[in-house]
Amino acid sequence: MILAGDIGGTKTILALFTIHENNLKLHSKHQFASKDYDSLNDVLLEFIRLNANPAIDAACFGIAGPIIDEKCHTTNLPWEIAATDLRALLNTPHVRLLNDLEATAYGMLYLNEDEFVNLNPDAHESNGNRAVIAAGTGLGEAMLFFDGTSYHPSGSEGGHCDFAPLTSQQDALLEWLRQHFSDHVSYERILSGPGIATLYDFLLESNFAPPPHQMTNLSETDDRSANISQCALEQHDPLCIETLRLFTEIYGAEAGNLALKTMSLGGVYIGGGIAPKILPFIQTDTFMNAFTAKGRFEPMLRKMKVKVSLNPETALLGAAYFAQDQAVRGVIAM
């Protein structure tokens, strides 16, 4: 039996799969609020209890953070995760840790076409590397390296690279951000769930438009970014609309940056939880115009496939299929 996990700052999803005729079959799945637990080990112990102590042959976890020497200090959680500890806990030597975007990238290979929204109808079919960018609790970036026959996931911490403004409005945004994040202004500061609220605050303090009534009556526990999106999509509030437009513009630009860095002639996948929730904005010309605005390389980018994944559990699937593929190749004996 395979255990797969998607370990994020907001939620942790664990699932058990069986392999039947080289296909994965879901056995059970549970979701946990990450911040309610002191460690991944605690979550796993709860999961094992809920599943009556199953016999686990192999496990793979996609984790939001850098994997170094089979260890990870999670970016948005105070967790220390080590493969050696998990092998002892799960009683199997066959445990792999992947960066969450590595797992997401791998999972993209197994989605059906109806699980994507195409952003570039003028794209040309081409073999080559593929890029994956995903805004959610944080900003993840990865690539699928194409060796001429198959794809290999490679994670990164590209979401923490320096934010580079494109317009005079974004110039002002960068100056504003430096006052609030004096140590380092990264793309993740704005291309993330909390980043939507940050962009809103910038526009509000810049007197772009008055705040909607809904935003002035939130409690401390309300999700500001979710309310901003709601005000934009349902109430058509000018300040919230501009917030999502600016988010979309910066998101498209950074997706284009990643496409250039990875030479992703095979296409760009947009993952994460935010894009599907604000899809009407992502589908406007704003995203693709920013994506392709790369000077002499605009014609190349205009031909790239750009797709939004609608499957919220792509990282979980990727972790499970990675473990399965390793088993088929004999790296993990089942």
C-alpha atoms as a PDB file:
ATOM      1  CA  MET A   1       0.000   0.000   0.000  1.00  0.00           C
ATOM      2  CA  ILE A   2       1.249   3.497  -0.874  1.00  0.00           C
ATOM      3  CA  LEU A   3       0.945   6.479   1.458  1.00  0.00           C
ATOM      4  CA  ALA A   4       0.983   9.894  -0.234  1.00  0.00           C
ATOM      5  CA  GLY A   5       0.918  13.311   1.375  1.00  0.00           C
ATOM      6  CA  ASP A   6       0.523  16.961   0.407  1.00  0.00           C
ATOM      7  CA  ILE A   7       2.019  18.971   3.270  1.00  0.00           C
ATOM      8  CA  GLY A   8       1.149  22.672   3.164  1.00  0.00           C
ATOM      9  CA  GLY A   9       1.082  25.635   5.502  1.00  0.00           C
ATOM     10  CA  THR A  10      -2.715  25.614   5.662  1.00  0.00           C
ATOM     11  CA  LYS A  11      -3.669  21.965   5.304  1.00  0.00           C
ATOM     12  CA  THR A  12      -2.127  18.520   5.195  1.00  0.00           C
ATOM     13  CA  ILE A  13      -3.774  15.863   3.041  1.00  0.00           C
ATOM     14  CA  LEU A  14      -2.839  12.213   3.478  1.00  0.00           C
ATOM     15  CA  ALA A  15      -4.106   9.328   1.377  1.00  0.00           C
ATOM     16  CA  LEU A  16      -3.616   5.605   1.017  1.00  0.00           C
ATOM     17  CA  PHE A  17      -3.539   4.001  -2.433  1.00  0.00           C
ATOM     18  CA  THR A  18      -3.353   0.455  -3.675  1.00  0.00           C
ATOM     19  CA  ILE A  19      -1.794  -0.531  -6.995  1.00  0.00           C
ATOM     20  CA  HIS A  20      -4.023  -2.581  -9.277  1.00  0.00           C
ATOM     21  CA  GLU A  21      -2.735  -3.492 -12.729  1.00  0.00           C
ATOM     22  CA  ASN A  22      -0.263  -0.573 -12.604  1.00  0.00           C
ATOM     23  CA  ASN A  23      -3.046   1.885 -11.725  1.00  0.00           C
ATOM     24  CA  LEU A  24      -3.567   3.691  -8.461  1.00  0.00           C
ATOM     25  CA  LYS A  25      -6.788   3.140  -6.571  1.00  0.00           C
ATOM     26  CA  LEU A  26      -7.700   5.422  -3.670  1.00  0.00           C
ATOM     27  CA  HIS A  27      -8.224   3.502  -0.457  1.00  0.00           C
ATOM     28  CA  SER A  28      -8.767   6.362   2.032  1.00  0.00           C
ATOM     29  CA  LYS A  29      -8.048  10.066   2.394  1.00  0.00           C
ATOM     30  CA  HIS A  30      -8.107  12.593   5.237  1.00  0.00           C
ATOM     31  CA  GLN A  31      -7.427  16.315   5.517  1.00  0.00           C
ATOM     32  CA  PHE A  32      -5.926  17.966   8.592  1.00  0.00           C
ATOM     33  CA  ALA A  33      -5.452  21.613   9.616  1.00  0.00           C
ATOM     34  CA  SER A  34      -1.657  21.854   9.661  1.00  0.00           C
ATOM     35  CA  LYS A  35      -1.441  24.486  12.401  1.00  0.00           C
ATOM     36  CA  ASP A  36      -3.345  22.216  14.794  1.00  0.00           C
ATOM     37  CA  TYR A  37      -0.349  19.883  14.993  1.00  0.00           C
ATOM     38  CA  ASP A  38       3.191  20.283  16.268  1.00  0.00           C
ATOM     39  CA  SER A  39       4.746  18.025  13.649  1.00  0.00           C
ATOM     40  CA  LEU A  40       4.061  15.844  10.631  1.00  0.00           C
ATOM     41  CA  ASN A  41       4.676  12.826  12.870  1.00  0.00           C
ATOM     42  CA  ASP A  42       1.677  13.847  14.979  1.00  0.00           C
ATOM     43  CA  VAL A  43      -0.508  14.084  11.873  1.00  0.00           C
ATOM     44  CA  LEU A  44       0.679  10.706  10.650  1.00  0.00           C
ATOM     45  CA  LEU A  45      -0.046   9.063  13.997  1.00  0.00           C
ATOM     46  CA  GLU A  46      -3.602  10.399  13.833  1.00  0.00           C
ATOM     47  CA  PHE A  47      -3.961   9.205  10.231  1.00  0.00           C
ATOM     48  CA  ILE A  48      -2.635   5.750  11.110  1.00  0.00           C
ATOM     49  CA  ARG A  49      -5.104   5.524  13.996  1.00  0.00           C
ATOM     50  CA  LEU A  50      -7.998   6.490  11.714  1.00  0.00           C
ATOM     51  CA  ASN A  51      -6.987   3.770   9.268  1.00  0.00           C
ATOM     52  CA  ALA A  52      -6.476   0.970  11.793  1.00  0.00           C
ATOM     53  CA  ASN A  53      -2.684   0.848  11.514  1.00  0.00           C
ATOM     54  CA  PRO A  54      -2.322  -0.090   7.829  1.00  0.00           C
ATOM     55  CA  ALA A  55       0.750  -1.861   6.446  1.00  0.00           C
ATOM     56  CA  ILE A  56       2.565   0.750   4.357  1.00  0.00           C
ATOM     57  CA  ASP A  57       4.996  -0.445   1.695  1.00  0.00           C
ATOM     58  CA  ALA A  58       6.131   2.948   0.404  1.00  0.00           C
ATOM     59  CA  ALA A  59       5.453   6.617   1.059  1.00  0.00           C
ATOM     60  CA  CYS A  60       6.070   9.903  -0.708  1.00  0.00           C
ATOM     61  CA  PHE A  61       5.330  13.391   0.603  1.00  0.00           C
ATOM     62  CA  GLY A  62       5.144  16.693  -1.249  1.00  0.00           C
ATOM     63  CA  ILE A  63       6.204  19.345   1.264  1.00  0.00           C
ATOM     64  CA  ALA A  64       6.059  23.134   1.075  1.00  0.00           C
ATOM     65  CA  GLY A  65       9.723  23.834   1.678  1.00  0.00           C
ATOM     66  CA  PRO A  66      13.209  22.986   0.414  1.00  0.00           C
ATOM     67  CA  ILE A  67      14.330  19.363   0.639  1.00  0.00           C
ATOM     68  CA  ILE A  68      18.013  19.195   1.621  1.00  0.00           C
ATOM     69  CA  ASP A  69      19.704  15.904   2.521  1.00  0.00           C
ATOM     70  CA  GLU A  70      16.310  14.243   2.932  1.00  0.00           C
ATOM     71  CA  LYS A  71      15.250  16.856   5.470  1.00  0.00           C
ATOM     72  CA  CYS A  72      12.913  19.837   5.325  1.00  0.00           C
ATOM     73  CA  HIS A  73      12.195  22.823   7.530  1.00  0.00           C
ATOM     74  CA  THR A  74       8.746  23.798   6.264  1.00  0.00           C
ATOM     75  CA  THR A  75       8.485  27.362   4.999  1.00  0.00           C
ATOM     76  CA  ASN A  76       5.153  28.331   6.556  1.00  0.00           C
ATOM     77  CA  LEU A  77       5.096  25.907   9.501  1.00  0.00           C
ATOM     78  CA  PRO A  78       7.490  25.318  12.424  1.00  0.00           C
ATOM     79  CA  TRP A  79       7.984  21.688  11.392  1.00  0.00           C
ATOM     80  CA  GLU A  80      11.226  19.754  10.974  1.00  0.00           C
ATOM     81  CA  ILE A  81      10.706  16.738   8.725  1.00  0.00           C
ATOM     82  CA  ALA A  82      13.312  14.035   8.177  1.00  0.00           C
ATOM     83  CA  ALA A  83      12.957  10.983   5.968  1.00  0.00           C
ATOM     84  CA  THR A  84      14.852   8.870   8.488  1.00  0.00           C
ATOM     85  CA  ASP A  85      12.268   9.647  11.188  1.00  0.00           C
ATOM     86  CA  LEU A  86       9.400   8.848   8.857  1.00  0.00           C
ATOM     87  CA  ARG A  87      10.963   5.531   7.854  1.00  0.00           C
ATOM     88  CA  ALA A  88      11.046   4.509  11.501  1.00  0.00           C
ATOM     89  CA  LEU A  89       7.510   5.730  12.169  1.00  0.00           C
ATOM     90  CA  LEU A  90       6.008   4.064   9.094  1.00  0.00           C
ATOM     91  CA  ASN A  91       8.132   0.925   9.415  1.00  0.00           C
ATOM     92  CA  THR A  92       9.341   1.033   5.813  1.00  0.00           C
ATOM     93  CA  PRO A  93      12.679   2.032   4.307  1.00  0.00           C
ATOM     94  CA  HIS A  94      10.916   3.321   1.197  1.00  0.00           C
ATOM     95  CA  VAL A  95      10.111   6.960   2.016  1.00  0.00           C
ATOM     96  CA  ARG A  96      10.765   9.894  -0.314  1.00  0.00           C
ATOM     97  CA  LEU A  97      10.423  13.622   0.340  1.00  0.00           C
ATOM     98  CA  LEU A  98       9.668  15.970  -2.560  1.00  0.00           C
ATOM     99  CA  ASN A  99       9.245  19.702  -2.650  1.00  0.00           C
ATOM    100  CA  ASP A 100       5.498  20.313  -2.972  1.00  0.00           C
ATOM    101  CA  LEU A 101       5.960  21.840  -6.413  1.00  0.00           C
ATOM    102  CA  GLU A 102       7.964  18.822  -7.544  1.00  0.00           C
ATOM    103  CA  ALA A 103       4.963  16.721  -6.554  1.00  0.00           C
ATOM    104  CA  THR A 104       2.559  19.169  -8.209  1.00  0.00           C
ATOM    105  CA  ALA A 105       4.613  19.152 -11.402  1.00  0.00           C
ATOM    106  CA  TYR A 106       4.635  15.367 -11.493  1.00  0.00           C
ATOM    107  CA  GLY A 107       0.906  15.244 -10.851  1.00  0.00           C
ATOM    108  CA  MET A 108       0.232  17.524 -13.815  1.00  0.00           C
ATOM    109  CA  LEU A 109       1.351  14.700 -16.102  1.00  0.00           C
ATOM    110  CA  TYR A 110      -1.549  12.536 -14.932  1.00  0.00           C
ATOM    111  CA  LEU A 111      -4.452  14.991 -15.219  1.00  0.00           C
ATOM    112  CA  ASN A 112      -7.058  14.741 -17.963  1.00  0.00           C
ATOM    113  CA  GLU A 113      -7.517  17.560 -20.445  1.00  0.00           C
ATOM    114  CA  ASP A 114     -10.900  18.455 -18.937  1.00  0.00           C
ATOM    115  CA  GLU A 115      -9.077  19.270 -15.695  1.00  0.00           C
ATOM    116  CA  PHE A 116      -7.337  22.228 -17.360  1.00  0.00           C
ATOM    117  CA  VAL A 117      -8.405  25.635 -18.629  1.00  0.00           C
ATOM    118  CA  ASN A 118      -6.391  26.774 -21.636  1.00  0.00           C
ATOM    119  CA  LEU A 119      -5.227  30.403 -21.497  1.00  0.00           C
ATOM    120  CA  ASN A 120      -3.491  30.496 -24.876  1.00  0.00           C
ATOM    121  CA  PRO A 121      -5.575  29.283 -27.833  1.00  0.00           C
ATOM    122  CA  ASP A 122      -2.751  30.288 -30.202  1.00  0.00           C
ATOM    123  CA  ALA A 123      -0.253  27.889 -28.631  1.00  0.00           C
ATOM    124  CA  HIS A 124       1.750  25.441 -30.723  1.00  0.00           C
ATOM    125  CA  GLU A 125       2.261  21.820 -29.720  1.00  0.00           C
ATOM    126  CA  SER A 126       5.910  21.256 -28.871  1.00  0.00           C
ATOM    127  CA  ASN A 127       8.065  18.832 -26.912  1.00  0.00           C
ATOM    128  CA  GLY A 128      10.339  20.250 -24.264  1.00  0.00           C
ATOM    129  CA  ASN A 129      10.567  21.218 -20.630  1.00  0.00           C
ATOM    130  CA  ARG A 130       7.441  22.302 -18.803  1.00  0.00           C
ATOM    131  CA  ALA A 131       7.174  24.925 -16.068  1.00  0.00           C
ATOM    132  CA  VAL A 132       4.841  24.890 -13.070  1.00  0.00           C
ATOM    133  CA  ILE A 133       3.942  27.913 -10.966  1.00  0.00           C
ATOM    134  CA  ALA A 134       1.429  27.820  -8.138  1.00  0.00           C
ATOM    135  CA  ALA A 135       0.162  30.592  -5.891  1.00  0.00           C
ATOM    136  CA  GLY A 136      -1.557  29.427  -2.724  1.00  0.00           C
ATOM    137  CA  THR A 137      -0.479  29.856   0.885  1.00  0.00           C
ATOM    138  CA  GLY A 138       2.890  30.719  -0.661  1.00  0.00           C
ATOM    139  CA  LEU A 139       4.315  30.791  -4.190  1.00  0.00           C
ATOM    140  CA  GLY A 140       5.824  27.613  -5.600  1.00  0.00           C
ATOM    141  CA  GLU A 141       7.802  27.133  -8.793  1.00  0.00           C
ATOM    142  CA  ALA A 142       9.159  24.004 -10.448  1.00  0.00           C
ATOM    143  CA  MET A 143       9.982  22.480 -13.784  1.00  0.00           C
ATOM    144  CA  LEU A 144       9.520  19.175 -15.549  1.00  0.00           C
ATOM    145  CA  PHE A 145      12.780  18.431 -17.347  1.00  0.00           C
ATOM    146  CA  PHE A 146      12.204  16.591 -20.623  1.00  0.00           C
ATOM    147  CA  ASP A 147      14.982  14.154 -21.549  1.00  0.00           C
ATOM    148  CA  GLY A 148      13.543  13.373 -24.959  1.00  0.00           C
ATOM    149  CA  THR A 149      11.452  10.486 -23.675  1.00  0.00           C
ATOM    150  CA  SER A 150      10.050  11.258 -20.234  1.00  0.00           C
ATOM    151  CA  TYR A 151       9.658  14.069 -17.708  1.00  0.00           C
ATOM    152  CA  HIS A 152      11.536  14.513 -14.443  1.00  0.00           C
ATOM    153  CA  PRO A 153      10.314  16.934 -11.744  1.00  0.00           C
ATOM    154  CA  SER A 154      12.741  19.461 -10.297  1.00  0.00           C
ATOM    155  CA  GLY A 155      11.737  21.758  -7.451  1.00  0.00           C
ATOM    156  CA  SER A 156      12.977  25.236  -6.652  1.00  0.00           C
ATOM    157  CA  GLU A 157      12.500  28.110  -4.250  1.00  0.00           C
ATOM    158  CA  GLY A 158      11.941  30.548  -7.109  1.00  0.00           C
ATOM    159  CA  GLY A 159       8.941  32.102  -5.396  1.00  0.00           C
ATOM    160  CA  HIS A 160      11.378  33.800  -3.018  1.00  0.00           C
ATOM    161  CA  CYS A 161      13.247  35.603  -5.801  1.00  0.00           C
ATOM    162  CA  ASP A 162      13.246  39.414  -5.852  1.00  0.00           C
ATOM    163  CA  PHE A 163      10.091  41.111  -7.084  1.00  0.00           C
ATOM    164  CA  ALA A 164      10.760  43.158 -10.244  1.00  0.00           C
ATOM    165  CA  PRO A 165       8.183  45.845 -11.156  1.00  0.00           C
ATOM    166  CA  LEU A 166       6.973  46.295 -14.733  1.00  0.00           C
ATOM    167  CA  THR A 167       4.942  49.509 -14.588  1.00  0.00           C
ATOM    168  CA  SER A 168       4.972  52.823 -12.753  1.00  0.00           C
ATOM    169  CA  GLN A 169       2.213  51.489 -10.503  1.00  0.00           C
ATOM    170  CA  GLN A 170       4.385  48.487  -9.663  1.00  0.00           C
ATOM    171  CA  ASP A 171       7.352  50.821  -9.071  1.00  0.00           C
ATOM    172  CA  ALA A 172       5.276  52.524  -6.397  1.00  0.00           C
ATOM    173  CA  LEU A 173       4.229  49.108  -5.067  1.00  0.00           C
ATOM    174  CA  LEU A 174       7.865  48.066  -4.664  1.00  0.00           C
ATOM    175  CA  GLU A 175       8.684  51.241  -2.737  1.00  0.00           C
ATOM    176  CA  TRP A 176       5.675  50.608  -0.495  1.00  0.00           C
ATOM    177  CA  LEU A 177       6.644  46.972   0.032  1.00  0.00           C
ATOM    178  CA  ARG A 178      10.177  47.947   1.050  1.00  0.00           C
ATOM    179  CA  GLN A 179       8.717  49.941   3.927  1.00  0.00           C
ATOM    180  CA  HIS A 180       6.835  46.867   5.162  1.00  0.00           C
ATOM    181  CA  PHE A 181       9.331  44.112   4.287  1.00  0.00           C
ATOM    182  CA  SER A 182      12.676  45.830   4.637  1.00  0.00           C
ATOM    183  CA  ASP A 183      14.677  42.603   4.680  1.00  0.00           C
ATOM    184  CA  HIS A 184      13.539  41.204   1.334  1.00  0.00           C
ATOM    185  CA  VAL A 185      10.680  41.813  -1.113  1.00  0.00           C
ATOM    186  CA  SER A 186       9.954  38.545  -2.898  1.00  0.00           C
ATOM    187  CA  TYR A 187       7.265  37.523  -5.349  1.00  0.00           C
ATOM    188  CA  GLU A 188       5.700  35.392  -2.621  1.00  0.00           C
ATOM    189  CA  ARG A 189       4.949  38.557  -0.640  1.00  0.00           C
ATOM    190  CA  ILE A 190       2.301  39.413  -3.241  1.00  0.00           C
ATOM    191  CA  LEU A 191       1.635  36.236  -5.247  1.00  0.00           C
ATOM    192  CA  SER A 192       0.018  34.264  -2.429  1.00  0.00           C
ATOM    193  CA  GLY A 193      -3.127  34.216  -0.345  1.00  0.00           C
ATOM    194  CA  PRO A 194      -1.751  36.777   2.123  1.00  0.00           C
ATOM    195  CA  GLY A 195      -0.333  38.673  -0.857  1.00  0.00           C
ATOM    196  CA  ILE A 196      -3.804  39.549  -2.132  1.00  0.00           C
ATOM    197  CA  ALA A 197      -4.489  41.382   1.123  1.00  0.00           C
ATOM    198  CA  THR A 198      -1.089  43.078   0.834  1.00  0.00           C
ATOM    199  CA  LEU A 199      -1.934  44.396  -2.644  1.00  0.00           C
ATOM    200  CA  TYR A 200      -5.307  45.587  -1.345  1.00  0.00           C
ATOM    201  CA  ASP A 201      -3.627  47.517   1.481  1.00  0.00           C
ATOM    202  CA  PHE A 202      -1.216  49.146  -0.973  1.00  0.00           C
ATOM    203  CA  LEU A 203      -4.045  50.319  -3.211  1.00  0.00           C
ATOM    204  CA  LEU A 204      -6.115  51.475  -0.244  1.00  0.00           C
ATOM    205  CA  GLU A 205      -3.239  53.528   1.182  1.00  0.00           C
ATOM    206  CA  SER A 206      -2.619  54.918  -2.309  1.00  0.00           C
ATOM    207  CA  ASN A 207      -6.218  56.229  -2.314  1.00  0.00           C
ATOM    208  CA  PHE A 208      -7.120  54.219  -5.403  1.00  0.00           C
ATOM    209  CA  ALA A 209     -10.732  53.887  -4.207  1.00  0.00           C
ATOM    210  CA  PRO A 210     -12.630  53.731  -0.897  1.00  0.00           C
ATOM    211  CA  PRO A 211     -12.973  50.319   0.778  1.00  0.00           C
ATOM    212  CA  PRO A 212     -16.225  48.383   0.352  1.00  0.00           C
ATOM    213  CA  HIS A 213     -18.508  48.085   3.360  1.00  0.00           C
ATOM    214  CA  GLN A 214     -17.808  44.353   3.625  1.00  0.00           C
ATOM    215  CA  MET A 215     -14.094  44.943   4.136  1.00  0.00           C
ATOM    216  CA  THR A 216     -14.574  47.509   6.894  1.00  0.00           C
ATOM    217  CA  ASN A 217     -16.632  45.111   9.017  1.00  0.00           C
ATOM    218  CA  LEU A 218     -14.422  42.033   9.100  1.00  0.00           C
ATOM    219  CA  SER A 219     -13.453  40.319  12.327  1.00  0.00           C
ATOM    220  CA  GLU A 220      -9.869  39.389  13.143  1.00  0.00           C
ATOM    221  CA  THR A 221     -10.555  35.775  12.191  1.00  0.00           C
ATOM    222  CA  ASP A 222     -12.098  36.516   8.781  1.00  0.00           C
ATOM    223  CA  ASP A 223     -10.050  35.688   5.675  1.00  0.00           C
ATOM    224  CA  ARG A 224      -9.325  39.124   4.203  1.00  0.00           C
ATOM    225  CA  SER A 225      -8.078  37.802   0.872  1.00  0.00           C
ATOM    226  CA  ALA A 226     -11.141  35.608   0.374  1.00  0.00           C
ATOM    227  CA  ASN A 227     -13.386  38.586   1.128  1.00  0.00           C
ATOM    228  CA  ILE A 228     -11.446  40.771  -1.310  1.00  0.00           C
ATOM    229  CA  SER A 229     -11.959  38.195  -4.038  1.00  0.00           C
ATOM    230  CA  GLN A 230     -15.641  37.947  -3.197  1.00  0.00           C
ATOM    231  CA  CYS A 231     -16.074  41.711  -3.334  1.00  0.00           C
ATOM    232  CA  ALA A 232     -14.365  41.784  -6.731  1.00  0.00           C
ATOM    233  CA  LEU A 233     -16.182  38.852  -8.313  1.00  0.00           C
ATOM    234  CA  GLU A 234     -19.653  39.289  -6.840  1.00  0.00           C
ATOM    235  CA  GLN A 235     -19.971  42.955  -5.872  1.00  0.00           C
ATOM    236  CA  HIS A 236     -17.729  44.405  -8.595  1.00  0.00           C
ATOM    237  CA  ASP A 237     -16.081  46.727  -6.098  1.00  0.00           C
ATOM    238  CA  PRO A 238     -13.495  48.959  -7.865  1.00  0.00           C
ATOM    239  CA  LEU A 239     -10.791  48.644  -5.201  1.00  0.00           C
ATOM    240  CA  CYS A 240     -11.072  44.851  -5.037  1.00  0.00           C
ATOM    241  CA  ILE A 241     -11.246  44.534  -8.824  1.00  0.00           C
ATOM    242  CA  GLU A 242      -8.015  46.493  -9.141  1.00  0.00           C
ATOM    243  CA  THR A 243      -6.439  44.295  -6.465  1.00  0.00           C
ATOM    244  CA  LEU A 244      -7.117  41.146  -8.465  1.00  0.00           C
ATOM    245  CA  ARG A 245      -6.158  42.814 -11.737  1.00  0.00           C
ATOM    246  CA  LEU A 246      -2.789  43.810 -10.275  1.00  0.00           C
ATOM    247  CA  PHE A 247      -2.337  40.324  -8.794  1.00  0.00           C
ATOM    248  CA  THR A 248      -3.097  38.802 -12.201  1.00  0.00           C
ATOM    249  CA  GLU A 249      -0.679  41.117 -13.983  1.00  0.00           C
ATOM    250  CA  ILE A 250       2.209  40.271 -11.641  1.00  0.00           C
ATOM    251  CA  TYR A 251       1.306  36.562 -11.719  1.00  0.00           C
ATOM    252  CA  GLY A 252       1.449  36.525 -15.517  1.00  0.00           C
ATOM    253  CA  ALA A 253       4.780  38.336 -15.553  1.00  0.00           C
ATOM    254  CA  GLU A 254       6.413  35.919 -13.120  1.00  0.00           C
ATOM    255  CA  ALA A 255       4.988  32.929 -14.990  1.00  0.00           C
ATOM    256  CA  GLY A 256       6.679  34.344 -18.096  1.00  0.00           C
ATOM    257  CA  ASN A 257       9.931  34.765 -16.173  1.00  0.00           C
ATOM    258  CA  LEU A 258       9.801  31.114 -15.138  1.00  0.00           C
ATOM    259  CA  ALA A 259       9.053  30.057 -18.713  1.00  0.00           C
ATOM    260  CA  LEU A 260      12.217  31.803 -19.888  1.00  0.00           C
ATOM    261  CA  LYS A 261      14.387  30.405 -17.092  1.00  0.00           C
ATOM    262  CA  THR A 262      13.291  26.830 -17.791  1.00  0.00           C
ATOM    263  CA  MET A 263      12.852  27.144 -21.581  1.00  0.00           C
ATOM    264  CA  SER A 264       9.461  25.526 -21.127  1.00  0.00           C
ATOM    265  CA  LEU A 265       8.646  24.971 -24.783  1.00  0.00           C
ATOM    266  CA  GLY A 266       6.418  22.119 -23.651  1.00  0.00           C
ATOM    267  CA  GLY A 267       4.137  24.530 -21.824  1.00  0.00           C
ATOM    268  CA  VAL A 268       3.414  26.264 -18.532  1.00  0.00           C
ATOM    269  CA  TYR A 269       1.050  24.904 -15.897  1.00  0.00           C
ATOM    270  CA  ILE A 270      -0.663  27.207 -13.402  1.00  0.00           C
ATOM    271  CA  GLY A 271      -1.369  25.310 -10.197  1.00  0.00           C
ATOM    272  CA  GLY A 272      -2.261  26.272  -6.652  1.00  0.00           C
ATOM    273  CA  GLY A 273      -5.564  27.134  -5.086  1.00  0.00           C
ATOM    274  CA  ILE A 274      -5.890  30.784  -6.079  1.00  0.00           C
ATOM    275  CA  ALA A 275      -6.080  30.684  -9.885  1.00  0.00           C
ATOM    276  CA  PRO A 276      -9.266  28.546 -10.074  1.00  0.00           C
ATOM    277  CA  LYS A 277     -10.968  30.821  -7.539  1.00  0.00           C
ATOM    278  CA  ILE A 278     -10.274  33.994  -9.534  1.00  0.00           C
ATOM    279  CA  LEU A 279     -10.418  32.382 -12.973  1.00  0.00           C
ATOM    280  CA  PRO A 280     -12.403  35.220 -14.617  1.00  0.00           C
ATOM    281  CA  PHE A 281      -9.421  37.506 -13.945  1.00  0.00           C
ATOM    282  CA  ILE A 282      -6.810  34.939 -14.999  1.00  0.00           C
ATOM    283  CA  GLN A 283      -8.667  34.443 -18.287  1.00  0.00           C
ATOM    284  CA  THR A 284      -8.505  38.112 -19.234  1.00  0.00           C
ATOM    285  CA  ASP A 285      -5.790  39.494 -21.518  1.00  0.00           C
ATOM    286  CA  THR A 286      -4.020  40.893 -18.444  1.00  0.00           C
ATOM    287  CA  PHE A 287      -2.341  37.595 -17.559  1.00  0.00           C
ATOM    288  CA  MET A 288      -1.213  36.620 -21.061  1.00  0.00           C
ATOM    289  CA  ASN A 289      -0.092  40.148 -21.963  1.00  0.00           C
ATOM    290  CA  ALA A 290       2.165  40.244 -18.911  1.00  0.00           C
ATOM    291  CA  PHE A 291       3.304  36.683 -19.579  1.00  0.00           C
ATOM    292  CA  THR A 292       4.472  37.500 -23.106  1.00  0.00           C
ATOM    293  CA  ALA A 293       5.865  41.008 -22.487  1.00  0.00           C
ATOM    294  CA  LYS A 294       9.500  39.871 -22.720  1.00  0.00           C
ATOM    295  CA  GLY A 295      10.827  41.957 -25.603  1.00  0.00           C
ATOM    296  CA  ARG A 296      12.532  39.896 -28.284  1.00  0.00           C
ATOM    297  CA  PHE A 297      11.242  36.659 -26.776  1.00  0.00           C
ATOM    298  CA  GLU A 298       7.566  37.613 -27.016  1.00  0.00           C
ATOM    299  CA  PRO A 299       7.035  35.555 -30.224  1.00  0.00           C
ATOM    300  CA  MET A 300       8.370  32.430 -28.475  1.00  0.00           C
ATOM    301  CA  LEU A 301       6.152  32.957 -25.436  1.00  0.00           C
ATOM    302  CA  ARG A 302       3.110  33.598 -27.621  1.00  0.00           C
ATOM    303  CA  LYS A 303       3.453  30.013 -28.901  1.00  0.00           C
ATOM    304  CA  MET A 304       3.662  28.349 -25.475  1.00  0.00           C
ATOM    305  CA  LYS A 305       0.797  26.386 -24.003  1.00  0.00           C
ATOM    306  CA  VAL A 306      -0.427  27.966 -20.778  1.00  0.00           C
ATOM    307  CA  LYS A 307      -2.946  26.000 -18.734  1.00  0.00           C
ATOM    308  CA  VAL A 308      -4.654  26.396 -15.369  1.00  0.00           C
ATOM    309  CA  SER A 309      -5.114  23.198 -13.382  1.00  0.00           C
ATOM    310  CA  LEU A 310      -8.554  22.862 -11.801  1.00  0.00           C
ATOM    311  CA  ASN A 311      -7.611  19.816  -9.720  1.00  0.00           C
ATOM    312  CA  PRO A 312      -6.905  20.931  -6.127  1.00  0.00           C
ATOM    313  CA  GLU A 313      -5.086  17.696  -5.275  1.00  0.00           C
ATOM    314  CA  THR A 314      -2.460  17.617  -8.008  1.00  0.00           C
ATOM    315  CA  ALA A 315       0.408  17.512  -5.493  1.00  0.00           C
ATOM    316  CA  LEU A 316      -1.163  14.538  -3.718  1.00  0.00           C
ATOM    317  CA  LEU A 317      -1.546  12.699  -7.020  1.00  0.00           C
ATOM    318  CA  GLY A 318       2.015  13.550  -7.966  1.00  0.00           C
ATOM    319  CA  ALA A 319       3.378  12.140  -4.710  1.00  0.00           C
ATOM    320  CA  ALA A 320       1.374   8.947  -5.166  1.00  0.00           C
ATOM    321  CA  TYR A 321       2.367   8.468  -8.803  1.00  0.00           C
ATOM    322  CA  PHE A 322       6.011   9.232  -8.003  1.00  0.00           C
ATOM    323  CA  ALA A 323       6.018   6.430  -5.441  1.00  0.00           C
ATOM    324  CA  GLN A 324       4.245   4.130  -7.886  1.00  0.00           C
ATOM    325  CA  ASP A 325       6.705   4.872 -10.694  1.00  0.00           C
ATOM    326  CA  GLN A 326       9.647   4.265  -8.395  1.00  0.00           C
ATOM    327  CA  ALA A 327       8.069   0.933  -7.456  1.00  0.00           C
ATOM    328  CA  VAL A 328       7.573  -0.057 -11.099  1.00  0.00           C
ATOM    329  CA  ARG A 329      11.221   0.752 -11.835  1.00  0.00           C
ATOM    330  CA  GLY A 330      12.314  -1.350  -8.903  1.00  0.00           C
ATOM    331  CA  VAL A 331      13.663   1.566  -6.853  1.00  0.00           C
ATOM    332  CA  ILE A 332      10.973   0.895  -4.281  1.00  0.00           C
ATOM    333  CA  ALA A 333      10.200  -2.800  -3.995  1.00  0.00           C
ATOM    334  CA  MET A 334       6.532  -3.489  -3.374  1.00  0.00           C
END
